[in-house]
Amino acid sequence: MTKEKKPDKDEKPQKERFIETAQEMGAFDNKDAFERAFKKIVPESPKT
C-alpha cells in the first residue's frame, strides 16, 4: 500500500513549476509553440 504525499498548499502545480523552469533555462521563445508541444507530451488532467 502506497501513501500519497499531500502537496503543500503553497506549492505550485507541477505544470507551473515545469514551465517556469523551462522559461528560466531559455528553453523556448514562443509561448504558444511551447504550449502546443507540451500538450502533445503531457496528457490533460481529468476534470473532477
N, C-alpha and C. Protein backbone atom coordinates (compact mmCIF):
# COMPACT_ATOMS: atom_id res chain seq x y z
N MET A 1 0.84 -1.19 0.00
CA MET A 1 0.00 0.00 0.00
C MET A 1 0.89 1.25 0.00
N THR A 2 0.63 2.13 -0.92
CA THR A 2 1.43 3.34 -1.05
C THR A 2 0.66 4.53 -0.51
N LYS A 3 1.33 5.30 0.33
CA LYS A 3 0.71 6.53 0.85
C LYS A 3 1.04 7.67 -0.10
N GLU A 4 0.04 8.42 -0.48
CA GLU A 4 0.27 9.59 -1.32
C GLU A 4 0.63 10.77 -0.44
N LYS A 5 1.66 11.48 -0.84
CA LYS A 5 2.06 12.69 -0.13
C LYS A 5 1.15 13.83 -0.57
N LYS A 6 0.53 14.47 0.39
CA LYS A 6 -0.32 15.60 0.06
C LYS A 6 0.55 16.80 -0.28
N PRO A 7 0.24 17.50 -1.38
CA PRO A 7 1.05 18.66 -1.74
C PRO A 7 0.89 19.79 -0.73
N ASP A 8 1.96 20.53 -0.56
CA ASP A 8 1.94 21.70 0.31
C ASP A 8 0.96 22.70 -0.30
N LYS A 9 0.13 23.32 0.53
CA LYS A 9 -0.87 24.24 0.00
C LYS A 9 -0.24 25.44 -0.71
N ASP A 10 1.02 25.76 -0.41
CA ASP A 10 1.69 26.88 -1.05
C ASP A 10 2.48 26.45 -2.29
N GLU A 11 2.56 25.14 -2.53
CA GLU A 11 3.33 24.62 -3.66
C GLU A 11 2.53 24.77 -4.95
N LYS A 12 3.21 25.22 -6.00
CA LYS A 12 2.55 25.38 -7.30
C LYS A 12 2.38 24.02 -7.95
N PRO A 13 1.38 23.89 -8.83
CA PRO A 13 1.21 22.63 -9.56
C PRO A 13 2.46 22.32 -10.39
N GLN A 14 2.68 21.03 -10.64
CA GLN A 14 3.87 20.59 -11.36
C GLN A 14 3.99 21.27 -12.72
N LYS A 15 2.88 21.44 -13.44
CA LYS A 15 2.92 22.07 -14.76
C LYS A 15 3.50 23.48 -14.64
N GLU A 16 3.04 24.24 -13.66
CA GLU A 16 3.53 25.61 -13.49
C GLU A 16 5.02 25.62 -13.17
N ARG A 17 5.47 24.71 -12.31
CA ARG A 17 6.89 24.64 -11.97
C ARG A 17 7.72 24.28 -13.20
N PHE A 18 7.22 23.35 -14.01
CA PHE A 18 7.92 22.95 -15.22
C PHE A 18 8.06 24.12 -16.19
N ILE A 19 6.98 24.84 -16.41
CA ILE A 19 7.01 25.98 -17.34
C ILE A 19 7.96 27.07 -16.84
N GLU A 20 7.91 27.37 -15.55
CA GLU A 20 8.81 28.39 -15.00
C GLU A 20 10.28 27.99 -15.18
N THR A 21 10.57 26.71 -14.92
CA THR A 21 11.94 26.24 -15.07
C THR A 21 12.37 26.32 -16.52
N ALA A 22 11.50 25.93 -17.44
CA ALA A 22 11.82 25.99 -18.86
C ALA A 22 12.08 27.44 -19.29
N GLN A 23 11.29 28.37 -18.78
CA GLN A 23 11.49 29.78 -19.11
C GLN A 23 12.83 30.26 -18.58
N GLU A 24 13.16 29.90 -17.36
CA GLU A 24 14.43 30.31 -16.76
C GLU A 24 15.62 29.78 -17.55
N MET A 25 15.46 28.59 -18.11
CA MET A 25 16.55 27.98 -18.86
C MET A 25 16.57 28.44 -20.32
N GLY A 26 15.59 29.24 -20.72
CA GLY A 26 15.53 29.72 -22.09
C GLY A 26 15.19 28.61 -23.07
N ALA A 27 14.39 27.66 -22.63
CA ALA A 27 14.06 26.50 -23.44
C ALA A 27 13.15 26.84 -24.61
N PHE A 28 12.50 27.97 -24.57
CA PHE A 28 11.62 28.35 -25.67
C PHE A 28 11.48 29.88 -25.71
N ASP A 29 11.21 30.35 -26.91
CA ASP A 29 11.00 31.79 -27.09
C ASP A 29 9.54 32.11 -27.39
N ASN A 30 8.80 31.13 -27.91
CA ASN A 30 7.42 31.35 -28.32
C ASN A 30 6.51 30.54 -27.40
N LYS A 31 5.76 31.22 -26.55
CA LYS A 31 4.91 30.54 -25.56
C LYS A 31 3.86 29.66 -26.22
N ASP A 32 3.26 30.12 -27.33
CA ASP A 32 2.24 29.31 -28.00
C ASP A 32 2.82 28.02 -28.55
N ALA A 33 4.00 28.08 -29.14
CA ALA A 33 4.65 26.88 -29.66
C ALA A 33 4.98 25.93 -28.52
N PHE A 34 5.43 26.47 -27.41
CA PHE A 34 5.75 25.64 -26.25
C PHE A 34 4.49 24.94 -25.73
N GLU A 35 3.40 25.68 -25.61
CA GLU A 35 2.15 25.09 -25.10
C GLU A 35 1.67 23.96 -26.01
N ARG A 36 1.76 24.15 -27.33
CA ARG A 36 1.35 23.09 -28.26
C ARG A 36 2.20 21.85 -28.07
N ALA A 37 3.52 22.03 -27.97
CA ALA A 37 4.42 20.90 -27.79
C ALA A 37 4.17 20.23 -26.44
N PHE A 38 3.96 21.03 -25.42
CA PHE A 38 3.72 20.50 -24.07
C PHE A 38 2.47 19.62 -24.05
N LYS A 39 1.42 20.08 -24.71
CA LYS A 39 0.16 19.33 -24.72
C LYS A 39 0.30 18.01 -25.48
N LYS A 40 1.23 17.94 -26.43
CA LYS A 40 1.46 16.68 -27.14
C LYS A 40 2.15 15.67 -26.24
N ILE A 41 2.97 16.15 -25.31
CA ILE A 41 3.75 15.27 -24.45
C ILE A 41 2.98 14.88 -23.20
N VAL A 42 2.33 15.83 -22.58
CA VAL A 42 1.68 15.62 -21.29
C VAL A 42 0.16 15.58 -21.47
N PRO A 43 -0.47 14.46 -21.12
CA PRO A 43 -1.93 14.40 -21.25
C PRO A 43 -2.60 15.36 -20.28
N GLU A 44 -3.76 15.86 -20.68
CA GLU A 44 -4.51 16.77 -19.82
C GLU A 44 -5.08 16.01 -18.64
N SER A 45 -5.05 16.63 -17.48
CA SER A 45 -5.60 16.01 -16.26
C SER A 45 -7.11 15.87 -16.41
N PRO A 46 -7.66 14.77 -15.92
CA PRO A 46 -9.12 14.63 -15.97
C PRO A 46 -9.77 15.66 -15.06
N LYS A 47 -10.87 16.19 -15.50
CA LYS A 47 -11.63 17.17 -14.71
C LYS A 47 -12.45 16.42 -13.67
N THR A 48 -12.41 16.91 -12.46
CA THR A 48 -13.20 16.26 -11.39
C THR A 48 -14.27 17.16 -10.90
